[in-house]
């Protein structure tokens, strides 16, 4: 059974930083695209960033480009999201997601991910 467990969320002041972690167990991690999505209060879930298994290329939503960095450590079955220069509008529940193995899909669509974590709350105060 595949499990994704996020950690690292919390309360931070505007301009601060947080690093989220997502540990994957129960399957091959290195062959999956990894993505981070978020859901702000009253809004739909949105794409934040992704890193591909095939090339380790990374993609970012315009709203976080230059501030957030996604990475992965295949030896530790862990994906990371480094968030810098946080803004109040970054407040949301953040979810990590993994695609099925060796899948070359649309990294920005939540429907193209098969496995999800439980989410971790990030709150940025002004």
Foldseek 3Di string as FASTA:
>chain_A
DKAKAKDWADEEAAQAKIKMKIAIDDDQLLQKKKFKWWDDPPGDIFGAKIAHSPPRDIDGDPVQPPFWDWDDDNVRNMIMIIGGRDDQVVWTWMKMFIAPGNDDDDRGDPVRTDYIHPTDTHGYHD
